[in-house]
Amino acid sequence: YAAYYLARAAVRSGTKVTVITSDLGGRLPARERMEEMEIVRVHTYKRHWARHTLGELAIFYWAARRWFSAEKHVDRPDYLLAHFTLPAGALARAWARYFGVPFGVVLHGSDVPGYQPDRFGWIYPLITRSVRRVWRDARPTFAVSTALRDLALGSWPGGNVQVVPNGVDTTFFCPASEPRPSSTGLRIVVVAQLIPRKGIDLLLEALSQISGTAQFHLEIYGIGPSLTALEEQARRVGLAEHGAFRGLATREHLAQAFRQSD
């Protein structure tokens, strides 16, 4: 939702915003009006809801280029902001040059060489030059954390990367008005992709050490390739009765789950 909140804030400041994104393999409508934003979704292939392969990213890149070539009536923007260096940053760079306008790029993780060596280690050396080209031409290049900025500078020595952390809508995601009663035990809520880097296996192992002495309830929201292994681990360490894997949920449901948690 980082892109959504930035776009919404721009609209509320009086800026006309068009968001160009993927239709997630036909799961979402091609066009939609949302809070005064025009949402355009390019049709592309995508197998999983919340996870991309390199092939799917490449397909989106070429689908977006074809969409741009076909949309002769696209209004000239004042500024382009891309999320992730590839493919969105490369697209923004090309379109910015066509229109003669500036563009910026937000680094989120996997688009920075070295961030996911287990998945993309072989491809990072091949794309580093293209990545640096996008960063060099962007005005500016943002990273969502200082650690990510430092990692990016390892591939772009002497470069300029500004840090702007992802924001939180504190009017929507806010604490409950009253604290939860301690007699009900600890309530833990996790929202994450179910992948090794998130360390959910470590959380399950830690909780298994206190499951016989402490009262707690665990809810894990998210999907990913680690789901089966995590479910098996939870059963193996005796946590099945303490909680459940909830899959995907709406923003409204997650906000309520957070408010009801410790």
C-alpha atoms as a PDB file:
ATOM      1  CA  TYR A   1       0.000   0.000   0.000  1.00  0.00           C
ATOM      2  CA  ALA A   2       2.992   2.365  -0.004  1.00  0.00           C
ATOM      3  CA  ALA A   3       2.258   3.472  -3.568  1.00  0.00           C
ATOM      4  CA  TYR A   4      -1.435   3.903  -2.751  1.00  0.00           C
ATOM      5  CA  TYR A   5      -0.768   6.219   0.187  1.00  0.00           C
ATOM      6  CA  LEU A   6       1.695   8.355  -1.778  1.00  0.00           C
ATOM      7  CA  ALA A   7      -0.755   8.664  -4.669  1.00  0.00           C
ATOM      8  CA  ARG A   8      -3.630   9.476  -2.332  1.00  0.00           C
ATOM      9  CA  ALA A   9      -1.604  12.182  -0.587  1.00  0.00           C
ATOM     10  CA  ALA A  10      -0.752  13.713  -3.959  1.00  0.00           C
ATOM     11  CA  VAL A  11      -4.425  13.766  -4.938  1.00  0.00           C
ATOM     12  CA  ARG A  12      -5.380  15.414  -1.660  1.00  0.00           C
ATOM     13  CA  SER A  13      -2.792  18.128  -2.295  1.00  0.00           C
ATOM     14  CA  GLY A  14      -4.480  18.957  -5.593  1.00  0.00           C
ATOM     15  CA  THR A  15      -2.390  16.871  -7.991  1.00  0.00           C
ATOM     16  CA  LYS A  16      -3.959  14.838 -10.790  1.00  0.00           C
ATOM     17  CA  VAL A  17      -2.669  11.267 -10.448  1.00  0.00           C
ATOM     18  CA  THR A  18      -2.715   8.334 -12.846  1.00  0.00           C
ATOM     19  CA  VAL A  19      -1.401   5.008 -11.554  1.00  0.00           C
ATOM     20  CA  ILE A  20      -0.117   2.495 -14.104  1.00  0.00           C
ATOM     21  CA  THR A  21       0.287  -1.007 -12.727  1.00  0.00           C
ATOM     22  CA  SER A  22      -0.402  -4.705 -13.412  1.00  0.00           C
ATOM     23  CA  ASP A  23      -3.802  -6.388 -13.445  1.00  0.00           C
ATOM     24  CA  LEU A  24      -2.187  -9.301 -11.529  1.00  0.00           C
ATOM     25  CA  GLY A  25      -2.901 -11.793 -14.252  1.00  0.00           C
ATOM     26  CA  GLY A  26      -6.449 -10.621 -14.904  1.00  0.00           C
ATOM     27  CA  ARG A  27      -7.468 -10.654 -11.234  1.00  0.00           C
ATOM     28  CA  LEU A  28      -8.238  -6.919 -11.209  1.00  0.00           C
ATOM     29  CA  PRO A  29     -10.155  -4.641 -13.623  1.00  0.00           C
ATOM     30  CA  ALA A  30      -8.269  -2.946 -16.466  1.00  0.00           C
ATOM     31  CA  ARG A  31      -9.409   0.525 -15.372  1.00  0.00           C
ATOM     32  CA  GLU A  32     -10.786   1.874 -12.148  1.00  0.00           C
ATOM     33  CA  ARG A  33     -11.443   5.201 -10.467  1.00  0.00           C
ATOM     34  CA  MET A  34     -10.328   5.207  -6.837  1.00  0.00           C
ATOM     35  CA  GLU A  35     -10.412   8.273  -4.560  1.00  0.00           C
ATOM     36  CA  GLU A  36      -9.955  10.609  -7.551  1.00  0.00           C
ATOM     37  CA  MET A  37      -7.047   8.518  -8.873  1.00  0.00           C
ATOM     38  CA  GLU A  38      -7.178   6.991 -12.325  1.00  0.00           C
ATOM     39  CA  ILE A  39      -5.946   3.392 -12.078  1.00  0.00           C
ATOM     40  CA  VAL A  40      -4.758   1.777 -15.319  1.00  0.00           C
ATOM     41  CA  ARG A  41      -3.829  -1.903 -15.111  1.00  0.00           C
ATOM     42  CA  VAL A  42      -1.794  -3.432 -17.889  1.00  0.00           C
ATOM     43  CA  HIS A  43      -2.825  -7.004 -18.707  1.00  0.00           C
ATOM     44  CA  THR A  44       0.009  -9.423 -18.010  1.00  0.00           C
ATOM     45  CA  TYR A  45       0.666 -12.948 -16.823  1.00  0.00           C
ATOM     46  CA  LYS A  46       1.052 -13.605 -13.095  1.00  0.00           C
ATOM     47  CA  ARG A  47       0.708 -16.957 -11.387  1.00  0.00           C
ATOM     48  CA  HIS A  48       0.822 -16.002  -7.705  1.00  0.00           C
ATOM     49  CA  TRP A  49      -1.028 -13.099  -6.116  1.00  0.00           C
ATOM     50  CA  ALA A  50       1.818 -11.560  -4.087  1.00  0.00           C
ATOM     51  CA  ARG A  51       5.041 -12.831  -5.632  1.00  0.00           C
ATOM     52  CA  HIS A  52       6.735 -12.262  -8.998  1.00  0.00           C
ATOM     53  CA  THR A  53       9.168 -14.325 -11.019  1.00  0.00           C
ATOM     54  CA  LEU A  54      11.808 -12.777 -13.276  1.00  0.00           C
ATOM     55  CA  GLY A  55       9.850 -13.942 -16.286  1.00  0.00           C
ATOM     56  CA  GLU A  56       6.669 -12.263 -15.062  1.00  0.00           C
ATOM     57  CA  LEU A  57       8.514  -9.004 -14.478  1.00  0.00           C
ATOM     58  CA  ALA A  58       9.889  -9.138 -18.013  1.00  0.00           C
ATOM     59  CA  ILE A  59       6.415  -9.838 -19.395  1.00  0.00           C
ATOM     60  CA  PHE A  60       5.031  -6.824 -17.514  1.00  0.00           C
ATOM     61  CA  TYR A  61       7.825  -4.616 -18.900  1.00  0.00           C
ATOM     62  CA  TRP A  62       7.022  -5.458 -22.503  1.00  0.00           C
ATOM     63  CA  ALA A  63       3.254  -5.366 -21.915  1.00  0.00           C
ATOM     64  CA  ALA A  64       3.574  -1.880 -20.445  1.00  0.00           C
ATOM     65  CA  ARG A  65       5.668  -0.727 -23.379  1.00  0.00           C
ATOM     66  CA  ARG A  66       3.040  -2.046 -25.791  1.00  0.00           C
ATOM     67  CA  TRP A  67       0.308  -0.322 -23.788  1.00  0.00           C
ATOM     68  CA  PHE A  68       2.193   2.979 -23.965  1.00  0.00           C
ATOM     69  CA  SER A  69       2.691   2.676 -27.722  1.00  0.00           C
ATOM     70  CA  ALA A  70      -1.016   1.998 -28.211  1.00  0.00           C
ATOM     71  CA  GLU A  71      -2.230   4.815 -25.927  1.00  0.00           C
ATOM     72  CA  LYS A  72      -1.646   7.739 -28.286  1.00  0.00           C
ATOM     73  CA  HIS A  73      -3.825  10.020 -26.162  1.00  0.00           C
ATOM     74  CA  VAL A  74      -1.696   9.764 -22.996  1.00  0.00           C
ATOM     75  CA  ASP A  75      -1.440  13.226 -21.471  1.00  0.00           C
ATOM     76  CA  ARG A  76       2.002  14.622 -20.873  1.00  0.00           C
ATOM     77  CA  PRO A  77       2.744  14.256 -17.143  1.00  0.00           C
ATOM     78  CA  ASP A  78       4.720  16.706 -15.046  1.00  0.00           C
ATOM     79  CA  TYR A  79       6.501  13.976 -13.122  1.00  0.00           C
ATOM     80  CA  LEU A  80       6.792  10.193 -13.030  1.00  0.00           C
ATOM     81  CA  LEU A  81       7.398   8.154  -9.884  1.00  0.00           C
ATOM     82  CA  ALA A  82       8.326   4.475 -10.186  1.00  0.00           C
ATOM     83  CA  HIS A  83       8.258   1.825  -7.478  1.00  0.00           C
ATOM     84  CA  PHE A  84      11.140  -0.667  -7.875  1.00  0.00           C
ATOM     85  CA  THR A  85      14.060  -0.078 -10.220  1.00  0.00           C
ATOM     86  CA  LEU A  86      13.187  -2.859 -12.651  1.00  0.00           C
ATOM     87  CA  PRO A  87      10.926  -2.998 -14.480  1.00  0.00           C
ATOM     88  CA  ALA A  88       9.036   0.140 -13.353  1.00  0.00           C
ATOM     89  CA  GLY A  89      12.087   2.395 -13.051  1.00  0.00           C
ATOM     90  CA  ALA A  90      13.290   1.473 -16.518  1.00  0.00           C
ATOM     91  CA  LEU A  91       9.820   2.202 -17.917  1.00  0.00           C
ATOM     92  CA  ALA A  92       9.644   5.554 -16.117  1.00  0.00           C
ATOM     93  CA  ARG A  93      13.096   6.476 -17.426  1.00  0.00           C
ATOM     94  CA  ALA A  94      12.054   5.753 -21.010  1.00  0.00           C
ATOM     95  CA  TRP A  95       8.730   7.587 -20.708  1.00  0.00           C
ATOM     96  CA  ALA A  96      10.367  10.542 -18.951  1.00  0.00           C
ATOM     97  CA  ARG A  97      12.789  10.926 -21.844  1.00  0.00           C
ATOM     98  CA  TYR A  98       9.903  10.740 -24.322  1.00  0.00           C
ATOM     99  CA  PHE A  99       7.920  13.469 -22.547  1.00  0.00           C
ATOM    100  CA  GLY A 100      10.939  15.528 -21.483  1.00  0.00           C
ATOM    101  CA  VAL A 101       9.988  15.416 -17.786  1.00  0.00           C
ATOM    102  CA  PRO A 102      11.789  14.255 -14.626  1.00  0.00           C
ATOM    103  CA  PHE A 103      11.188  10.946 -12.901  1.00  0.00           C
ATOM    104  CA  GLY A 104      11.971   9.409  -9.522  1.00  0.00           C
ATOM    105  CA  VAL A 105      12.344   5.840  -8.351  1.00  0.00           C
ATOM    106  CA  VAL A 106      11.662   4.211  -4.984  1.00  0.00           C
ATOM    107  CA  LEU A 107      13.865   1.257  -3.983  1.00  0.00           C
ATOM    108  CA  HIS A 108      11.967  -1.383  -2.022  1.00  0.00           C
ATOM    109  CA  GLY A 109      14.334  -4.343  -1.702  1.00  0.00           C
ATOM    110  CA  SER A 110      14.725  -6.999  -4.361  1.00  0.00           C
ATOM    111  CA  ASP A 111      15.493  -4.360  -7.006  1.00  0.00           C
ATOM    112  CA  VAL A 112      18.787  -3.586  -5.218  1.00  0.00           C
ATOM    113  CA  PRO A 113      21.691  -5.913  -6.130  1.00  0.00           C
ATOM    114  CA  GLY A 114      22.596  -8.108  -3.176  1.00  0.00           C
ATOM    115  CA  TYR A 115      19.250  -7.918  -1.394  1.00  0.00           C
ATOM    116  CA  GLN A 116      18.056 -11.440  -2.241  1.00  0.00           C
ATOM    117  CA  PRO A 117      21.143 -13.422  -3.270  1.00  0.00           C
ATOM    118  CA  ASP A 118      19.332 -16.724  -2.740  1.00  0.00           C
ATOM    119  CA  ARG A 119      16.756 -15.908  -5.436  1.00  0.00           C
ATOM    120  CA  PHE A 120      18.484 -13.399  -7.696  1.00  0.00           C
ATOM    121  CA  GLY A 121      22.197 -13.800  -7.004  1.00  0.00           C
ATOM    122  CA  TRP A 122      22.913 -14.967 -10.543  1.00  0.00           C
ATOM    123  CA  ILE A 123      21.018 -12.108 -12.181  1.00  0.00           C
ATOM    124  CA  TYR A 124      22.316  -9.174 -10.094  1.00  0.00           C
ATOM    125  CA  PRO A 125      25.703  -8.946 -11.903  1.00  0.00           C
ATOM    126  CA  LEU A 126      23.855  -8.882 -15.236  1.00  0.00           C
ATOM    127  CA  ILE A 127      21.502  -6.038 -14.330  1.00  0.00           C
ATOM    128  CA  THR A 128      23.753  -3.819 -12.183  1.00  0.00           C
ATOM    129  CA  ARG A 129      24.663  -1.554 -15.094  1.00  0.00           C
ATOM    130  CA  SER A 130      20.999  -1.071 -16.046  1.00  0.00           C
ATOM    131  CA  VAL A 131      20.095  -0.462 -12.395  1.00  0.00           C
ATOM    132  CA  ARG A 132      22.773   2.218 -12.035  1.00  0.00           C
ATOM    133  CA  ARG A 133      21.547   3.891 -15.225  1.00  0.00           C
ATOM    134  CA  VAL A 134      18.048   4.247 -13.767  1.00  0.00           C
ATOM    135  CA  TRP A 135      19.360   5.526 -10.422  1.00  0.00           C
ATOM    136  CA  ARG A 136      21.711   7.998 -12.078  1.00  0.00           C
ATOM    137  CA  ASP A 137      18.966   9.593 -14.176  1.00  0.00           C
ATOM    138  CA  ALA A 138      16.272   9.598 -11.491  1.00  0.00           C
ATOM    139  CA  ARG A 139      15.443  12.867  -9.725  1.00  0.00           C
ATOM    140  CA  PRO A 140      15.717  11.631  -7.065  1.00  0.00           C
ATOM    141  CA  THR A 141      16.364   8.009  -6.098  1.00  0.00           C
ATOM    142  CA  PHE A 142      14.651   7.062  -2.826  1.00  0.00           C
ATOM    143  CA  ALA A 143      15.214   4.089  -0.521  1.00  0.00           C
ATOM    144  CA  VAL A 144      12.739   3.032   2.160  1.00  0.00           C
ATOM    145  CA  SER A 145      15.464   2.414   4.780  1.00  0.00           C
ATOM    146  CA  THR A 146      19.044   3.388   5.569  1.00  0.00           C
ATOM    147  CA  ALA A 147      20.129  -0.252   5.260  1.00  0.00           C
ATOM    148  CA  LEU A 148      18.691  -0.418   1.742  1.00  0.00           C
ATOM    149  CA  ARG A 149      20.367   2.875   0.818  1.00  0.00           C
ATOM    150  CA  ASP A 150      23.718   1.567   2.031  1.00  0.00           C
ATOM    151  CA  LEU A 151      23.256  -1.638   0.038  1.00  0.00           C
ATOM    152  CA  ALA A 152      22.417   0.374  -3.079  1.00  0.00           C
ATOM    153  CA  LEU A 153      25.522   2.527  -2.677  1.00  0.00           C
ATOM    154  CA  GLY A 154      27.569  -0.662  -2.727  1.00  0.00           C
ATOM    155  CA  SER A 155      26.546  -0.986  -6.387  1.00  0.00           C
ATOM    156  CA  TRP A 156      26.626   2.765  -7.016  1.00  0.00           C
ATOM    157  CA  PRO A 157      29.669   4.226  -5.195  1.00  0.00           C
ATOM    158  CA  GLY A 158      29.353   7.972  -4.784  1.00  0.00           C
ATOM    159  CA  GLY A 159      25.690   7.942  -5.783  1.00  0.00           C
ATOM    160  CA  ASN A 160      22.911   9.953  -4.190  1.00  0.00           C
ATOM    161  CA  VAL A 161      20.121   7.942  -2.551  1.00  0.00           C
ATOM    162  CA  GLN A 162      17.689   9.672  -0.228  1.00  0.00           C
ATOM    163  CA  VAL A 163      15.952   7.776   2.589  1.00  0.00           C
ATOM    164  CA  VAL A 164      12.179   8.165   2.943  1.00  0.00           C
ATOM    165  CA  PRO A 165      10.667   5.365   5.073  1.00  0.00           C
ATOM    166  CA  ASN A 166       7.274   3.953   4.173  1.00  0.00           C
ATOM    167  CA  GLY A 167       4.569   5.865   5.972  1.00  0.00           C
ATOM    168  CA  VAL A 168       1.651   4.652   8.050  1.00  0.00           C
ATOM    169  CA  ASP A 169      -1.870   6.074   7.994  1.00  0.00           C
ATOM    170  CA  THR A 170      -2.221   6.536  11.751  1.00  0.00           C
ATOM    171  CA  THR A 171      -5.866   7.571  11.437  1.00  0.00           C
ATOM    172  CA  PHE A 172      -6.619   4.097  10.051  1.00  0.00           C
ATOM    173  CA  PHE A 173      -3.968   1.907  11.691  1.00  0.00           C
ATOM    174  CA  CYS A 174      -4.258   3.094  15.275  1.00  0.00           C
ATOM    175  CA  PRO A 175      -4.385   1.541  18.761  1.00  0.00           C
ATOM    176  CA  ALA A 176      -7.649   0.570  20.373  1.00  0.00           C
ATOM    177  CA  SER A 177      -9.199   3.181  22.631  1.00  0.00           C
ATOM    178  CA  GLU A 178      -9.024   0.791  25.561  1.00  0.00           C
ATOM    179  CA  PRO A 179      -6.214  -1.654  26.410  1.00  0.00           C
ATOM    180  CA  ARG A 180      -6.933  -5.340  26.099  1.00  0.00           C
ATOM    181  CA  PRO A 181      -7.535  -7.203  29.390  1.00  0.00           C
ATOM    182  CA  SER A 182      -4.436  -9.152  30.398  1.00  0.00           C
ATOM    183  CA  SER A 183      -6.573 -12.085  31.545  1.00  0.00           C
ATOM    184  CA  THR A 184      -7.116 -13.140  27.930  1.00  0.00           C
ATOM    185  CA  GLY A 185      -3.419 -13.720  27.365  1.00  0.00           C
ATOM    186  CA  LEU A 186      -1.029 -12.270  24.806  1.00  0.00           C
ATOM    187  CA  ARG A 187      -2.447 -11.755  21.305  1.00  0.00           C
ATOM    188  CA  ILE A 188       0.191 -11.694  18.541  1.00  0.00           C
ATOM    189  CA  VAL A 189      -0.540 -10.652  14.948  1.00  0.00           C
ATOM    190  CA  VAL A 190       1.940 -11.100  12.086  1.00  0.00           C
ATOM    191  CA  VAL A 191       1.429  -9.658   8.587  1.00  0.00           C
ATOM    192  CA  ALA A 192       4.095 -10.674   6.074  1.00  0.00           C
ATOM    193  CA  GLN A 193       4.983 -12.601   2.966  1.00  0.00           C
ATOM    194  CA  LEU A 194       5.564 -16.180   4.015  1.00  0.00           C
ATOM    195  CA  ILE A 195       9.183 -16.361   2.883  1.00  0.00           C
ATOM    196  CA  PRO A 196      12.358 -17.339   4.812  1.00  0.00           C
ATOM    197  CA  ARG A 197      13.668 -13.763   5.061  1.00  0.00           C
ATOM    198  CA  LYS A 198      10.751 -12.751   7.310  1.00  0.00           C
ATOM    199  CA  GLY A 199      11.941 -15.090  10.084  1.00  0.00           C
ATOM    200  CA  ILE A 200       8.523 -16.447  11.009  1.00  0.00           C
ATOM    201  CA  ASP A 201      10.129 -19.840  11.657  1.00  0.00           C
ATOM    202  CA  LEU A 202      12.208 -18.171  14.383  1.00  0.00           C
ATOM    203  CA  LEU A 203       9.059 -16.707  15.943  1.00  0.00           C
ATOM    204  CA  LEU A 204       7.403 -20.136  16.001  1.00  0.00           C
ATOM    205  CA  GLU A 205      10.466 -21.704  17.581  1.00  0.00           C
ATOM    206  CA  ALA A 206      10.628 -18.981  20.238  1.00  0.00           C
ATOM    207  CA  LEU A 207       6.933 -19.308  21.076  1.00  0.00           C
ATOM    208  CA  SER A 208       7.260 -23.074  21.348  1.00  0.00           C
ATOM    209  CA  GLN A 209       9.627 -22.506  24.267  1.00  0.00           C
ATOM    210  CA  ILE A 210       6.892 -20.775  26.304  1.00  0.00           C
ATOM    211  CA  SER A 211       3.797 -22.586  25.027  1.00  0.00           C
ATOM    212  CA  GLY A 212       3.564 -24.658  28.206  1.00  0.00           C
ATOM    213  CA  THR A 213       3.892 -21.729  30.596  1.00  0.00           C
ATOM    214  CA  ALA A 214       2.265 -18.721  28.908  1.00  0.00           C
ATOM    215  CA  GLN A 215      -1.180 -18.042  27.471  1.00  0.00           C
ATOM    216  CA  PHE A 216      -1.088 -16.526  23.990  1.00  0.00           C
ATOM    217  CA  HIS A 217      -2.877 -16.533  20.643  1.00  0.00           C
ATOM    218  CA  LEU A 218      -1.082 -16.145  17.302  1.00  0.00           C
ATOM    219  CA  GLU A 219      -2.554 -15.032  13.956  1.00  0.00           C
ATOM    220  CA  ILE A 220      -0.365 -14.991  10.834  1.00  0.00           C
ATOM    221  CA  TYR A 221      -1.645 -13.174   7.736  1.00  0.00           C
ATOM    222  CA  GLY A 222       0.017 -13.600   4.356  1.00  0.00           C
ATOM    223  CA  ILE A 223       0.803 -16.084   1.642  1.00  0.00           C
ATOM    224  CA  GLY A 224       4.023 -17.395   0.144  1.00  0.00           C
ATOM    225  CA  PRO A 225       6.126 -20.452  -0.631  1.00  0.00           C
ATOM    226  CA  SER A 226       6.937 -21.107   3.048  1.00  0.00           C
ATOM    227  CA  LEU A 227       3.309 -21.658   4.061  1.00  0.00           C
ATOM    228  CA  THR A 228       3.352 -25.470   4.058  1.00  0.00           C
ATOM    229  CA  ALA A 229       6.664 -25.653   5.924  1.00  0.00           C
ATOM    230  CA  LEU A 230       5.495 -23.139   8.537  1.00  0.00           C
ATOM    231  CA  GLU A 231       2.209 -24.971   9.079  1.00  0.00           C
ATOM    232  CA  GLU A 232       4.108 -28.218   9.556  1.00  0.00           C
ATOM    233  CA  GLN A 233       6.516 -26.519  11.986  1.00  0.00           C
ATOM    234  CA  ALA A 234       3.627 -25.097  14.004  1.00  0.00           C
ATOM    235  CA  ARG A 235       2.112 -28.562  14.360  1.00  0.00           C
ATOM    236  CA  ARG A 236       5.459 -30.143  15.173  1.00  0.00           C
ATOM    237  CA  VAL A 237       6.272 -27.726  17.998  1.00  0.00           C
ATOM    238  CA  GLY A 238       2.771 -27.820  19.445  1.00  0.00           C
ATOM    239  CA  LEU A 239       1.499 -24.406  18.390  1.00  0.00           C
ATOM    240  CA  ALA A 240      -1.490 -25.500  16.309  1.00  0.00           C
ATOM    241  CA  GLU A 241      -3.862 -24.883  19.211  1.00  0.00           C
ATOM    242  CA  HIS A 242      -2.441 -21.406  19.832  1.00  0.00           C
ATOM    243  CA  GLY A 243      -3.356 -19.833  16.505  1.00  0.00           C
ATOM    244  CA  ALA A 244      -3.808 -20.128  12.784  1.00  0.00           C
ATOM    245  CA  PHE A 245      -2.586 -19.027   9.366  1.00  0.00           C
ATOM    246  CA  ARG A 246      -5.215 -16.646   7.992  1.00  0.00           C
ATOM    247  CA  GLY A 247      -4.050 -16.086   4.401  1.00  0.00           C
ATOM    248  CA  LEU A 248      -4.850 -12.779   2.701  1.00  0.00           C
ATOM    249  CA  ALA A 249      -7.056 -10.155   4.348  1.00  0.00           C
ATOM    250  CA  THR A 250      -8.443  -6.712   3.578  1.00  0.00           C
ATOM    251  CA  ARG A 251      -6.953  -3.526   4.997  1.00  0.00           C
ATOM    252  CA  GLU A 252     -10.027  -3.111   7.167  1.00  0.00           C
ATOM    253  CA  HIS A 253      -9.671  -6.587   8.633  1.00  0.00           C
ATOM    254  CA  LEU A 254      -5.946  -6.111   9.283  1.00  0.00           C
ATOM    255  CA  ALA A 255      -6.510  -2.771  10.999  1.00  0.00           C
ATOM    256  CA  GLN A 256      -9.045  -4.396  13.318  1.00  0.00           C
ATOM    257  CA  ALA A 257      -6.720  -7.356  13.959  1.00  0.00           C
ATOM    258  CA  PHE A 258      -3.910  -4.969  14.914  1.00  0.00           C
ATOM    259  CA  ARG A 259      -6.200  -3.052  17.277  1.00  0.00           C
ATOM    260  CA  GLN A 260      -7.189  -6.291  18.977  1.00  0.00           C
ATOM    261  CA  SER A 261      -3.577  -7.418  19.381  1.00  0.00           C
ATOM    262  CA  ASP A 262      -0.759  -6.698  21.811  1.00  0.00           C
END
